[in-house]
PDBML (XML) file of the C-alpha atoms, coordinates in Angstrom:
<?xml version="1.0" encoding="UTF-8" ?>
<PDBx:datablock datablockName="MODEL"
   xmlns:PDBx="http://pdbml.pdb.org/schema/pdbx-v50.xsd"
   xmlns:xsi="http://www.w3.org/2001/XMLSchema-instance"
   xsi:schemaLocation="http://pdbml.pdb.org/schema/pdbx-v50.xsd pdbx-v50.xsd">
   <PDBx:atom_siteCategory>
      <PDBx:atom_site id="1">
         <PDBx:B_iso_or_equiv>0.00</PDBx:B_iso_or_equiv>
         <PDBx:Cartn_x>47.193</PDBx:Cartn_x>
         <PDBx:Cartn_y>34.770</PDBx:Cartn_y>
         <PDBx:Cartn_z>-28.377</PDBx:Cartn_z>
         <PDBx:auth_asym_id>A</PDBx:auth_asym_id>
         <PDBx:auth_atom_id>CA</PDBx:auth_atom_id>
         <PDBx:auth_comp_id>ASP</PDBx:auth_comp_id>
         <PDBx:auth_seq_id>1</PDBx:auth_seq_id>
         <PDBx:group_PDB>ATOM</PDBx:group_PDB>
         <PDBx:label_alt_id xsi:nil="true" />
         <PDBx:label_asym_id>A</PDBx:label_asym_id>
         <PDBx:label_atom_id>CA</PDBx:label_atom_id>
         <PDBx:label_comp_id>ASP</PDBx:label_comp_id>
         <PDBx:label_entity_id>1</PDBx:label_entity_id>
         <PDBx:label_seq_id>1</PDBx:label_seq_id>
         <PDBx:occupancy>1.00</PDBx:occupancy>
         <PDBx:pdbx_PDB_model_num>1</PDBx:pdbx_PDB_model_num>
         <PDBx:type_symbol>C</PDBx:type_symbol>
      </PDBx:atom_site>
      <PDBx:atom_site id="2">
         <PDBx:B_iso_or_equiv>0.00</PDBx:B_iso_or_equiv>
         <PDBx:Cartn_x>50.126</PDBx:Cartn_x>
         <PDBx:Cartn_y>35.773</PDBx:Cartn_y>
         <PDBx:Cartn_z>-30.594</PDBx:Cartn_z>
         <PDBx:auth_asym_id>A</PDBx:auth_asym_id>
         <PDBx:auth_atom_id>CA</PDBx:auth_atom_id>
         <PDBx:auth_comp_id>ALA</PDBx:auth_comp_id>
         <PDBx:auth_seq_id>2</PDBx:auth_seq_id>
         <PDBx:group_PDB>ATOM</PDBx:group_PDB>
         <PDBx:label_alt_id xsi:nil="true" />
         <PDBx:label_asym_id>A</PDBx:label_asym_id>
         <PDBx:label_atom_id>CA</PDBx:label_atom_id>
         <PDBx:label_comp_id>ALA</PDBx:label_comp_id>
         <PDBx:label_entity_id>1</PDBx:label_entity_id>
         <PDBx:label_seq_id>2</PDBx:label_seq_id>
         <PDBx:occupancy>1.00</PDBx:occupancy>
         <PDBx:pdbx_PDB_model_num>1</PDBx:pdbx_PDB_model_num>
         <PDBx:type_symbol>C</PDBx:type_symbol>
      </PDBx:atom_site>
      <PDBx:atom_site id="3">
         <PDBx:B_iso_or_equiv>0.00</PDBx:B_iso_or_equiv>
         <PDBx:Cartn_x>47.733</PDBx:Cartn_x>
         <PDBx:Cartn_y>35.783</PDBx:Cartn_y>
         <PDBx:Cartn_z>-33.546</PDBx:Cartn_z>
         <PDBx:auth_asym_id>A</PDBx:auth_asym_id>
         <PDBx:auth_atom_id>CA</PDBx:auth_atom_id>
         <PDBx:auth_comp_id>LEU</PDBx:auth_comp_id>
         <PDBx:auth_seq_id>3</PDBx:auth_seq_id>
         <PDBx:group_PDB>ATOM</PDBx:group_PDB>
         <PDBx:label_alt_id xsi:nil="true" />
         <PDBx:label_asym_id>A</PDBx:label_asym_id>
         <PDBx:label_atom_id>CA</PDBx:label_atom_id>
         <PDBx:label_comp_id>LEU</PDBx:label_comp_id>
         <PDBx:label_entity_id>1</PDBx:label_entity_id>
         <PDBx:label_seq_id>3</PDBx:label_seq_id>
         <PDBx:occupancy>1.00</PDBx:occupancy>
         <PDBx:pdbx_PDB_model_num>1</PDBx:pdbx_PDB_model_num>
         <PDBx:type_symbol>C</PDBx:type_symbol>
      </PDBx:atom_site>
      <PDBx:atom_site id="4">
         <PDBx:B_iso_or_equiv>0.00</PDBx:B_iso_or_equiv>
         <PDBx:Cartn_x>44.553</PDBx:Cartn_x>
         <PDBx:Cartn_y>36.967</PDBx:Cartn_y>
         <PDBx:Cartn_z>-31.850</PDBx:Cartn_z>
         <PDBx:auth_asym_id>A</PDBx:auth_asym_id>
         <PDBx:auth_atom_id>CA</PDBx:auth_atom_id>
         <PDBx:auth_comp_id>CYS</PDBx:auth_comp_id>
         <PDBx:auth_seq_id>4</PDBx:auth_seq_id>
         <PDBx:group_PDB>ATOM</PDBx:group_PDB>
         <PDBx:label_alt_id xsi:nil="true" />
         <PDBx:label_asym_id>A</PDBx:label_asym_id>
         <PDBx:label_atom_id>CA</PDBx:label_atom_id>
         <PDBx:label_comp_id>CYS</PDBx:label_comp_id>
         <PDBx:label_entity_id>1</PDBx:label_entity_id>
         <PDBx:label_seq_id>4</PDBx:label_seq_id>
         <PDBx:occupancy>1.00</PDBx:occupancy>
         <PDBx:pdbx_PDB_model_num>1</PDBx:pdbx_PDB_model_num>
         <PDBx:type_symbol>C</PDBx:type_symbol>
      </PDBx:atom_site>
      <PDBx:atom_site id="5">
         <PDBx:B_iso_or_equiv>0.00</PDBx:B_iso_or_equiv>
         <PDBx:Cartn_x>45.281</PDBx:Cartn_x>
         <PDBx:Cartn_y>39.569</PDBx:Cartn_y>
         <PDBx:Cartn_z>-29.195</PDBx:Cartn_z>
         <PDBx:auth_asym_id>A</PDBx:auth_asym_id>
         <PDBx:auth_atom_id>CA</PDBx:auth_atom_id>
         <PDBx:auth_comp_id>PRO</PDBx:auth_comp_id>
         <PDBx:auth_seq_id>5</PDBx:auth_seq_id>
         <PDBx:group_PDB>ATOM</PDBx:group_PDB>
         <PDBx:label_alt_id xsi:nil="true" />
         <PDBx:label_asym_id>A</PDBx:label_asym_id>
         <PDBx:label_atom_id>CA</PDBx:label_atom_id>
         <PDBx:label_comp_id>PRO</PDBx:label_comp_id>
         <PDBx:label_entity_id>1</PDBx:label_entity_id>
         <PDBx:label_seq_id>5</PDBx:label_seq_id>
         <PDBx:occupancy>1.00</PDBx:occupancy>
         <PDBx:pdbx_PDB_model_num>1</PDBx:pdbx_PDB_model_num>
         <PDBx:type_symbol>C</PDBx:type_symbol>
      </PDBx:atom_site>
      <PDBx:atom_site id="6">
         <PDBx:B_iso_or_equiv>0.00</PDBx:B_iso_or_equiv>
         <PDBx:Cartn_x>42.445</PDBx:Cartn_x>
         <PDBx:Cartn_y>41.620</PDBx:Cartn_y>
         <PDBx:Cartn_z>-27.810</PDBx:Cartn_z>
         <PDBx:auth_asym_id>A</PDBx:auth_asym_id>
         <PDBx:auth_atom_id>CA</PDBx:auth_atom_id>
         <PDBx:auth_comp_id>ARG</PDBx:auth_comp_id>
         <PDBx:auth_seq_id>6</PDBx:auth_seq_id>
         <PDBx:group_PDB>ATOM</PDBx:group_PDB>
         <PDBx:label_alt_id xsi:nil="true" />
         <PDBx:label_asym_id>A</PDBx:label_asym_id>
         <PDBx:label_atom_id>CA</PDBx:label_atom_id>
         <PDBx:label_comp_id>ARG</PDBx:label_comp_id>
         <PDBx:label_entity_id>1</PDBx:label_entity_id>
         <PDBx:label_seq_id>6</PDBx:label_seq_id>
         <PDBx:occupancy>1.00</PDBx:occupancy>
         <PDBx:pdbx_PDB_model_num>1</PDBx:pdbx_PDB_model_num>
         <PDBx:type_symbol>C</PDBx:type_symbol>
      </PDBx:atom_site>
      <PDBx:atom_site id="7">
         <PDBx:B_iso_or_equiv>0.00</PDBx:B_iso_or_equiv>
         <PDBx:Cartn_x>41.602</PDBx:Cartn_x>
         <PDBx:Cartn_y>44.314</PDBx:Cartn_y>
         <PDBx:Cartn_z>-30.376</PDBx:Cartn_z>
         <PDBx:auth_asym_id>A</PDBx:auth_asym_id>
         <PDBx:auth_atom_id>CA</PDBx:auth_atom_id>
         <PDBx:auth_comp_id>ARG</PDBx:auth_comp_id>
         <PDBx:auth_seq_id>7</PDBx:auth_seq_id>
         <PDBx:group_PDB>ATOM</PDBx:group_PDB>
         <PDBx:label_alt_id xsi:nil="true" />
         <PDBx:label_asym_id>A</PDBx:label_asym_id>
         <PDBx:label_atom_id>CA</PDBx:label_atom_id>
         <PDBx:label_comp_id>ARG</PDBx:label_comp_id>
         <PDBx:label_entity_id>1</PDBx:label_entity_id>
         <PDBx:label_seq_id>7</PDBx:label_seq_id>
         <PDBx:occupancy>1.00</PDBx:occupancy>
         <PDBx:pdbx_PDB_model_num>1</PDBx:pdbx_PDB_model_num>
         <PDBx:type_symbol>C</PDBx:type_symbol>
      </PDBx:atom_site>
      <PDBx:atom_site id="8">
         <PDBx:B_iso_or_equiv>0.00</PDBx:B_iso_or_equiv>
         <PDBx:Cartn_x>41.058</PDBx:Cartn_x>
         <PDBx:Cartn_y>47.954</PDBx:Cartn_y>
         <PDBx:Cartn_z>-29.529</PDBx:Cartn_z>
         <PDBx:auth_asym_id>A</PDBx:auth_asym_id>
         <PDBx:auth_atom_id>CA</PDBx:auth_atom_id>
         <PDBx:auth_comp_id>GLY</PDBx:auth_comp_id>
         <PDBx:auth_seq_id>8</PDBx:auth_seq_id>
         <PDBx:group_PDB>ATOM</PDBx:group_PDB>
         <PDBx:label_alt_id xsi:nil="true" />
         <PDBx:label_asym_id>A</PDBx:label_asym_id>
         <PDBx:label_atom_id>CA</PDBx:label_atom_id>
         <PDBx:label_comp_id>GLY</PDBx:label_comp_id>
         <PDBx:label_entity_id>1</PDBx:label_entity_id>
         <PDBx:label_seq_id>8</PDBx:label_seq_id>
         <PDBx:occupancy>1.00</PDBx:occupancy>
         <PDBx:pdbx_PDB_model_num>1</PDBx:pdbx_PDB_model_num>
         <PDBx:type_symbol>C</PDBx:type_symbol>
      </PDBx:atom_site>
      <PDBx:atom_site id="9">
         <PDBx:B_iso_or_equiv>0.00</PDBx:B_iso_or_equiv>
         <PDBx:Cartn_x>43.345</PDBx:Cartn_x>
         <PDBx:Cartn_y>50.762</PDBx:Cartn_y>
         <PDBx:Cartn_z>-28.899</PDBx:Cartn_z>
         <PDBx:auth_asym_id>A</PDBx:auth_asym_id>
         <PDBx:auth_atom_id>CA</PDBx:auth_atom_id>
         <PDBx:auth_comp_id>GLY</PDBx:auth_comp_id>
         <PDBx:auth_seq_id>9</PDBx:auth_seq_id>
         <PDBx:group_PDB>ATOM</PDBx:group_PDB>
         <PDBx:label_alt_id xsi:nil="true" />
         <PDBx:label_asym_id>A</PDBx:label_asym_id>
         <PDBx:label_atom_id>CA</PDBx:label_atom_id>
         <PDBx:label_comp_id>GLY</PDBx:label_comp_id>
         <PDBx:label_entity_id>1</PDBx:label_entity_id>
         <PDBx:label_seq_id>9</PDBx:label_seq_id>
         <PDBx:occupancy>1.00</PDBx:occupancy>
         <PDBx:pdbx_PDB_model_num>1</PDBx:pdbx_PDB_model_num>
         <PDBx:type_symbol>C</PDBx:type_symbol>
      </PDBx:atom_site>
      <PDBx:atom_site id="10">
         <PDBx:B_iso_or_equiv>0.00</PDBx:B_iso_or_equiv>
         <PDBx:Cartn_x>45.515</PDBx:Cartn_x>
         <PDBx:Cartn_y>52.875</PDBx:Cartn_y>
         <PDBx:Cartn_z>-31.156</PDBx:Cartn_z>
         <PDBx:auth_asym_id>A</PDBx:auth_asym_id>
         <PDBx:auth_atom_id>CA</PDBx:auth_atom_id>
         <PDBx:auth_comp_id>PRO</PDBx:auth_comp_id>
         <PDBx:auth_seq_id>10</PDBx:auth_seq_id>
         <PDBx:group_PDB>ATOM</PDBx:group_PDB>
         <PDBx:label_alt_id xsi:nil="true" />
         <PDBx:label_asym_id>A</PDBx:label_asym_id>
         <PDBx:label_atom_id>CA</PDBx:label_atom_id>
         <PDBx:label_comp_id>PRO</PDBx:label_comp_id>
         <PDBx:label_entity_id>1</PDBx:label_entity_id>
         <PDBx:label_seq_id>10</PDBx:label_seq_id>
         <PDBx:occupancy>1.00</PDBx:occupancy>
         <PDBx:pdbx_PDB_model_num>1</PDBx:pdbx_PDB_model_num>
         <PDBx:type_symbol>C</PDBx:type_symbol>
      </PDBx:atom_site>
      <PDBx:atom_site id="11">
         <PDBx:B_iso_or_equiv>0.00</PDBx:B_iso_or_equiv>
         <PDBx:Cartn_x>47.989</PDBx:Cartn_x>
         <PDBx:Cartn_y>51.621</PDBx:Cartn_y>
         <PDBx:Cartn_z>-33.736</PDBx:Cartn_z>
         <PDBx:auth_asym_id>A</PDBx:auth_asym_id>
         <PDBx:auth_atom_id>CA</PDBx:auth_atom_id>
         <PDBx:auth_comp_id>HIS</PDBx:auth_comp_id>
         <PDBx:auth_seq_id>11</PDBx:auth_seq_id>
         <PDBx:group_PDB>ATOM</PDBx:group_PDB>
         <PDBx:label_alt_id xsi:nil="true" />
         <PDBx:label_asym_id>A</PDBx:label_asym_id>
         <PDBx:label_atom_id>CA</PDBx:label_atom_id>
         <PDBx:label_comp_id>HIS</PDBx:label_comp_id>
         <PDBx:label_entity_id>1</PDBx:label_entity_id>
         <PDBx:label_seq_id>11</PDBx:label_seq_id>
         <PDBx:occupancy>1.00</PDBx:occupancy>
         <PDBx:pdbx_PDB_model_num>1</PDBx:pdbx_PDB_model_num>
         <PDBx:type_symbol>C</PDBx:type_symbol>
      </PDBx:atom_site>
      <PDBx:atom_site id="12">
         <PDBx:B_iso_or_equiv>0.00</PDBx:B_iso_or_equiv>
         <PDBx:Cartn_x>46.610</PDBx:Cartn_x>
         <PDBx:Cartn_y>48.024</PDBx:Cartn_y>
         <PDBx:Cartn_z>-33.885</PDBx:Cartn_z>
         <PDBx:auth_asym_id>A</PDBx:auth_asym_id>
         <PDBx:auth_atom_id>CA</PDBx:auth_atom_id>
         <PDBx:auth_comp_id>GLN</PDBx:auth_comp_id>
         <PDBx:auth_seq_id>12</PDBx:auth_seq_id>
         <PDBx:group_PDB>ATOM</PDBx:group_PDB>
         <PDBx:label_alt_id xsi:nil="true" />
         <PDBx:label_asym_id>A</PDBx:label_asym_id>
         <PDBx:label_atom_id>CA</PDBx:label_atom_id>
         <PDBx:label_comp_id>GLN</PDBx:label_comp_id>
         <PDBx:label_entity_id>1</PDBx:label_entity_id>
         <PDBx:label_seq_id>12</PDBx:label_seq_id>
         <PDBx:occupancy>1.00</PDBx:occupancy>
         <PDBx:pdbx_PDB_model_num>1</PDBx:pdbx_PDB_model_num>
         <PDBx:type_symbol>C</PDBx:type_symbol>
      </PDBx:atom_site>
      <PDBx:atom_site id="13">
         <PDBx:B_iso_or_equiv>0.00</PDBx:B_iso_or_equiv>
         <PDBx:Cartn_x>45.497</PDBx:Cartn_x>
         <PDBx:Cartn_y>47.902</PDBx:Cartn_y>
         <PDBx:Cartn_z>-37.537</PDBx:Cartn_z>
         <PDBx:auth_asym_id>A</PDBx:auth_asym_id>
         <PDBx:auth_atom_id>CA</PDBx:auth_atom_id>
         <PDBx:auth_comp_id>ALA</PDBx:auth_comp_id>
         <PDBx:auth_seq_id>13</PDBx:auth_seq_id>
         <PDBx:group_PDB>ATOM</PDBx:group_PDB>
         <PDBx:label_alt_id xsi:nil="true" />
         <PDBx:label_asym_id>A</PDBx:label_asym_id>
         <PDBx:label_atom_id>CA</PDBx:label_atom_id>
         <PDBx:label_comp_id>ALA</PDBx:label_comp_id>
         <PDBx:label_entity_id>1</PDBx:label_entity_id>
         <PDBx:label_seq_id>13</PDBx:label_seq_id>
         <PDBx:occupancy>1.00</PDBx:occupancy>
         <PDBx:pdbx_PDB_model_num>1</PDBx:pdbx_PDB_model_num>
         <PDBx:type_symbol>C</PDBx:type_symbol>
      </PDBx:atom_site>
      <PDBx:atom_site id="14">
         <PDBx:B_iso_or_equiv>0.00</PDBx:B_iso_or_equiv>
         <PDBx:Cartn_x>47.888</PDBx:Cartn_x>
         <PDBx:Cartn_y>45.032</PDBx:Cartn_y>
         <PDBx:Cartn_z>-38.506</PDBx:Cartn_z>
         <PDBx:auth_asym_id>A</PDBx:auth_asym_id>
         <PDBx:auth_atom_id>CA</PDBx:auth_atom_id>
         <PDBx:auth_comp_id>PRO</PDBx:auth_comp_id>
         <PDBx:auth_seq_id>14</PDBx:auth_seq_id>
         <PDBx:group_PDB>ATOM</PDBx:group_PDB>
         <PDBx:label_alt_id xsi:nil="true" />
         <PDBx:label_asym_id>A</PDBx:label_asym_id>
         <PDBx:label_atom_id>CA</PDBx:label_atom_id>
         <PDBx:label_comp_id>PRO</PDBx:label_comp_id>
         <PDBx:label_entity_id>1</PDBx:label_entity_id>
         <PDBx:label_seq_id>14</PDBx:label_seq_id>
         <PDBx:occupancy>1.00</PDBx:occupancy>
         <PDBx:pdbx_PDB_model_num>1</PDBx:pdbx_PDB_model_num>
         <PDBx:type_symbol>C</PDBx:type_symbol>
      </PDBx:atom_site>
      <PDBx:atom_site id="15">
         <PDBx:B_iso_or_equiv>0.00</PDBx:B_iso_or_equiv>
         <PDBx:Cartn_x>46.828</PDBx:Cartn_x>
         <PDBx:Cartn_y>42.941</PDBx:Cartn_y>
         <PDBx:Cartn_z>-35.460</PDBx:Cartn_z>
         <PDBx:auth_asym_id>A</PDBx:auth_asym_id>
         <PDBx:auth_atom_id>CA</PDBx:auth_atom_id>
         <PDBx:auth_comp_id>GLU</PDBx:auth_comp_id>
         <PDBx:auth_seq_id>15</PDBx:auth_seq_id>
         <PDBx:group_PDB>ATOM</PDBx:group_PDB>
         <PDBx:label_alt_id xsi:nil="true" />
         <PDBx:label_asym_id>A</PDBx:label_asym_id>
         <PDBx:label_atom_id>CA</PDBx:label_atom_id>
         <PDBx:label_comp_id>GLU</PDBx:label_comp_id>
         <PDBx:label_entity_id>1</PDBx:label_entity_id>
         <PDBx:label_seq_id>15</PDBx:label_seq_id>
         <PDBx:occupancy>1.00</PDBx:occupancy>
         <PDBx:pdbx_PDB_model_num>1</PDBx:pdbx_PDB_model_num>
         <PDBx:type_symbol>C</PDBx:type_symbol>
      </PDBx:atom_site>
      <PDBx:atom_site id="16">
         <PDBx:B_iso_or_equiv>0.00</PDBx:B_iso_or_equiv>
         <PDBx:Cartn_x>43.155</PDBx:Cartn_x>
         <PDBx:Cartn_y>43.618</PDBx:Cartn_y>
         <PDBx:Cartn_z>-36.184</PDBx:Cartn_z>
         <PDBx:auth_asym_id>A</PDBx:auth_asym_id>
         <PDBx:auth_atom_id>CA</PDBx:auth_atom_id>
         <PDBx:auth_comp_id>SER</PDBx:auth_comp_id>
         <PDBx:auth_seq_id>16</PDBx:auth_seq_id>
         <PDBx:group_PDB>ATOM</PDBx:group_PDB>
         <PDBx:label_alt_id xsi:nil="true" />
         <PDBx:label_asym_id>A</PDBx:label_asym_id>
         <PDBx:label_atom_id>CA</PDBx:label_atom_id>
         <PDBx:label_comp_id>SER</PDBx:label_comp_id>
         <PDBx:label_entity_id>1</PDBx:label_entity_id>
         <PDBx:label_seq_id>16</PDBx:label_seq_id>
         <PDBx:occupancy>1.00</PDBx:occupancy>
         <PDBx:pdbx_PDB_model_num>1</PDBx:pdbx_PDB_model_num>
         <PDBx:type_symbol>C</PDBx:type_symbol>
      </PDBx:atom_site>
      <PDBx:atom_site id="17">
         <PDBx:B_iso_or_equiv>0.00</PDBx:B_iso_or_equiv>
         <PDBx:Cartn_x>43.578</PDBx:Cartn_x>
         <PDBx:Cartn_y>42.403</PDBx:Cartn_y>
         <PDBx:Cartn_z>-39.788</PDBx:Cartn_z>
         <PDBx:auth_asym_id>A</PDBx:auth_asym_id>
         <PDBx:auth_atom_id>CA</PDBx:auth_atom_id>
         <PDBx:auth_comp_id>ARG</PDBx:auth_comp_id>
         <PDBx:auth_seq_id>17</PDBx:auth_seq_id>
         <PDBx:group_PDB>ATOM</PDBx:group_PDB>
         <PDBx:label_alt_id xsi:nil="true" />
         <PDBx:label_asym_id>A</PDBx:label_asym_id>
         <PDBx:label_atom_id>CA</PDBx:label_atom_id>
         <PDBx:label_comp_id>ARG</PDBx:label_comp_id>
         <PDBx:label_entity_id>1</PDBx:label_entity_id>
         <PDBx:label_seq_id>17</PDBx:label_seq_id>
         <PDBx:occupancy>1.00</PDBx:occupancy>
         <PDBx:pdbx_PDB_model_num>1</PDBx:pdbx_PDB_model_num>
         <PDBx:type_symbol>C</PDBx:type_symbol>
      </PDBx:atom_site>
      <PDBx:atom_site id="18">
         <PDBx:B_iso_or_equiv>0.00</PDBx:B_iso_or_equiv>
         <PDBx:Cartn_x>45.188</PDBx:Cartn_x>
         <PDBx:Cartn_y>39.163</PDBx:Cartn_y>
         <PDBx:Cartn_z>-38.539</PDBx:Cartn_z>
         <PDBx:auth_asym_id>A</PDBx:auth_asym_id>
         <PDBx:auth_atom_id>CA</PDBx:auth_atom_id>
         <PDBx:auth_comp_id>VAL</PDBx:auth_comp_id>
         <PDBx:auth_seq_id>18</PDBx:auth_seq_id>
         <PDBx:group_PDB>ATOM</PDBx:group_PDB>
         <PDBx:label_alt_id xsi:nil="true" />
         <PDBx:label_asym_id>A</PDBx:label_asym_id>
         <PDBx:label_atom_id>CA</PDBx:label_atom_id>
         <PDBx:label_comp_id>VAL</PDBx:label_comp_id>
         <PDBx:label_entity_id>1</PDBx:label_entity_id>
         <PDBx:label_seq_id>18</PDBx:label_seq_id>
         <PDBx:occupancy>1.00</PDBx:occupancy>
         <PDBx:pdbx_PDB_model_num>1</PDBx:pdbx_PDB_model_num>
         <PDBx:type_symbol>C</PDBx:type_symbol>
      </PDBx:atom_site>
      <PDBx:atom_site id="19">
         <PDBx:B_iso_or_equiv>0.00</PDBx:B_iso_or_equiv>
         <PDBx:Cartn_x>42.440</PDBx:Cartn_x>
         <PDBx:Cartn_y>38.605</PDBx:Cartn_y>
         <PDBx:Cartn_z>-35.952</PDBx:Cartn_z>
         <PDBx:auth_asym_id>A</PDBx:auth_asym_id>
         <PDBx:auth_atom_id>CA</PDBx:auth_atom_id>
         <PDBx:auth_comp_id>VAL</PDBx:auth_comp_id>
         <PDBx:auth_seq_id>19</PDBx:auth_seq_id>
         <PDBx:group_PDB>ATOM</PDBx:group_PDB>
         <PDBx:label_alt_id xsi:nil="true" />
         <PDBx:label_asym_id>A</PDBx:label_asym_id>
         <PDBx:label_atom_id>CA</PDBx:label_atom_id>
         <PDBx:label_comp_id>VAL</PDBx:label_comp_id>
         <PDBx:label_entity_id>1</PDBx:label_entity_id>
         <PDBx:label_seq_id>19</PDBx:label_seq_id>
         <PDBx:occupancy>1.00</PDBx:occupancy>
         <PDBx:pdbx_PDB_model_num>1</PDBx:pdbx_PDB_model_num>
         <PDBx:type_symbol>C</PDBx:type_symbol>
      </PDBx:atom_site>
      <PDBx:atom_site id="20">
         <PDBx:B_iso_or_equiv>0.00</PDBx:B_iso_or_equiv>
         <PDBx:Cartn_x>39.785</PDBx:Cartn_x>
         <PDBx:Cartn_y>39.228</PDBx:Cartn_y>
         <PDBx:Cartn_z>-38.639</PDBx:Cartn_z>
         <PDBx:auth_asym_id>A</PDBx:auth_asym_id>
         <PDBx:auth_atom_id>CA</PDBx:auth_atom_id>
         <PDBx:auth_comp_id>ALA</PDBx:auth_comp_id>
         <PDBx:auth_seq_id>20</PDBx:auth_seq_id>
         <PDBx:group_PDB>ATOM</PDBx:group_PDB>
         <PDBx:label_alt_id xsi:nil="true" />
         <PDBx:label_asym_id>A</PDBx:label_asym_id>
         <PDBx:label_atom_id>CA</PDBx:label_atom_id>
         <PDBx:label_comp_id>ALA</PDBx:label_comp_id>
         <PDBx:label_entity_id>1</PDBx:label_entity_id>
         <PDBx:label_seq_id>20</PDBx:label_seq_id>
         <PDBx:occupancy>1.00</PDBx:occupancy>
         <PDBx:pdbx_PDB_model_num>1</PDBx:pdbx_PDB_model_num>
         <PDBx:type_symbol>C</PDBx:type_symbol>
      </PDBx:atom_site>
      <PDBx:atom_site id="21">
         <PDBx:B_iso_or_equiv>0.00</PDBx:B_iso_or_equiv>
         <PDBx:Cartn_x>41.522</PDBx:Cartn_x>
         <PDBx:Cartn_y>36.731</PDBx:Cartn_y>
         <PDBx:Cartn_z>-40.959</PDBx:Cartn_z>
         <PDBx:auth_asym_id>A</PDBx:auth_asym_id>
         <PDBx:auth_atom_id>CA</PDBx:auth_atom_id>
         <PDBx:auth_comp_id>GLN</PDBx:auth_comp_id>
         <PDBx:auth_seq_id>21</PDBx:auth_seq_id>
         <PDBx:group_PDB>ATOM</PDBx:group_PDB>
         <PDBx:label_alt_id xsi:nil="true" />
         <PDBx:label_asym_id>A</PDBx:label_asym_id>
         <PDBx:label_atom_id>CA</PDBx:label_atom_id>
         <PDBx:label_comp_id>GLN</PDBx:label_comp_id>
         <PDBx:label_entity_id>1</PDBx:label_entity_id>
         <PDBx:label_seq_id>21</PDBx:label_seq_id>
         <PDBx:occupancy>1.00</PDBx:occupancy>
         <PDBx:pdbx_PDB_model_num>1</PDBx:pdbx_PDB_model_num>
         <PDBx:type_symbol>C</PDBx:type_symbol>
      </PDBx:atom_site>
      <PDBx:atom_site id="22">
         <PDBx:B_iso_or_equiv>0.00</PDBx:B_iso_or_equiv>
         <PDBx:Cartn_x>41.671</PDBx:Cartn_x>
         <PDBx:Cartn_y>34.037</PDBx:Cartn_y>
         <PDBx:Cartn_z>-38.257</PDBx:Cartn_z>
         <PDBx:auth_asym_id>A</PDBx:auth_asym_id>
         <PDBx:auth_atom_id>CA</PDBx:auth_atom_id>
         <PDBx:auth_comp_id>VAL</PDBx:auth_comp_id>
         <PDBx:auth_seq_id>22</PDBx:auth_seq_id>
         <PDBx:group_PDB>ATOM</PDBx:group_PDB>
         <PDBx:label_alt_id xsi:nil="true" />
         <PDBx:label_asym_id>A</PDBx:label_asym_id>
         <PDBx:label_atom_id>CA</PDBx:label_atom_id>
         <PDBx:label_comp_id>VAL</PDBx:label_comp_id>
         <PDBx:label_entity_id>1</PDBx:label_entity_id>
         <PDBx:label_seq_id>22</PDBx:label_seq_id>
         <PDBx:occupancy>1.00</PDBx:occupancy>
         <PDBx:pdbx_PDB_model_num>1</PDBx:pdbx_PDB_model_num>
         <PDBx:type_symbol>C</PDBx:type_symbol>
      </PDBx:atom_site>
      <PDBx:atom_site id="23">
         <PDBx:B_iso_or_equiv>0.00</PDBx:B_iso_or_equiv>
         <PDBx:Cartn_x>38.014</PDBx:Cartn_x>
         <PDBx:Cartn_y>34.598</PDBx:Cartn_y>
         <PDBx:Cartn_z>-37.377</PDBx:Cartn_z>
         <PDBx:auth_asym_id>A</PDBx:auth_asym_id>
         <PDBx:auth_atom_id>CA</PDBx:auth_atom_id>
         <PDBx:auth_comp_id>LEU</PDBx:auth_comp_id>
         <PDBx:auth_seq_id>23</PDBx:auth_seq_id>
         <PDBx:group_PDB>ATOM</PDBx:group_PDB>
         <PDBx:label_alt_id xsi:nil="true" />
         <PDBx:label_asym_id>A</PDBx:label_asym_id>
         <PDBx:label_atom_id>CA</PDBx:label_atom_id>
         <PDBx:label_comp_id>LEU</PDBx:label_comp_id>
         <PDBx:label_entity_id>1</PDBx:label_entity_id>
         <PDBx:label_seq_id>23</PDBx:label_seq_id>
         <PDBx:occupancy>1.00</PDBx:occupancy>
         <PDBx:pdbx_PDB_model_num>1</PDBx:pdbx_PDB_model_num>
         <PDBx:type_symbol>C</PDBx:type_symbol>
      </PDBx:atom_site>
      <PDBx:atom_site id="24">
         <PDBx:B_iso_or_equiv>0.00</PDBx:B_iso_or_equiv>
         <PDBx:Cartn_x>36.934</PDBx:Cartn_x>
         <PDBx:Cartn_y>34.366</PDBx:Cartn_y>
         <PDBx:Cartn_z>-41.020</PDBx:Cartn_z>
         <PDBx:auth_asym_id>A</PDBx:auth_asym_id>
         <PDBx:auth_atom_id>CA</PDBx:auth_atom_id>
         <PDBx:auth_comp_id>THR</PDBx:auth_comp_id>
         <PDBx:auth_seq_id>24</PDBx:auth_seq_id>
         <PDBx:group_PDB>ATOM</PDBx:group_PDB>
         <PDBx:label_alt_id xsi:nil="true" />
         <PDBx:label_asym_id>A</PDBx:label_asym_id>
         <PDBx:label_atom_id>CA</PDBx:label_atom_id>
         <PDBx:label_comp_id>THR</PDBx:label_comp_id>
         <PDBx:label_entity_id>1</PDBx:label_entity_id>
         <PDBx:label_seq_id>24</PDBx:label_seq_id>
         <PDBx:occupancy>1.00</PDBx:occupancy>
         <PDBx:pdbx_PDB_model_num>1</PDBx:pdbx_PDB_model_num>
         <PDBx:type_symbol>C</PDBx:type_symbol>
      </PDBx:atom_site>
   </PDBx:atom_siteCategory>
</PDBx:datablock>
C-alpha cells in the first residue's frame, strides 16, 4: 500500500506515476 495507494484527489501526481509503474 506504500507504493500503490488509492489514486484520485488533488496533488497525487507522484503517487499516480508510481502506481502506474507498478501496474505496468
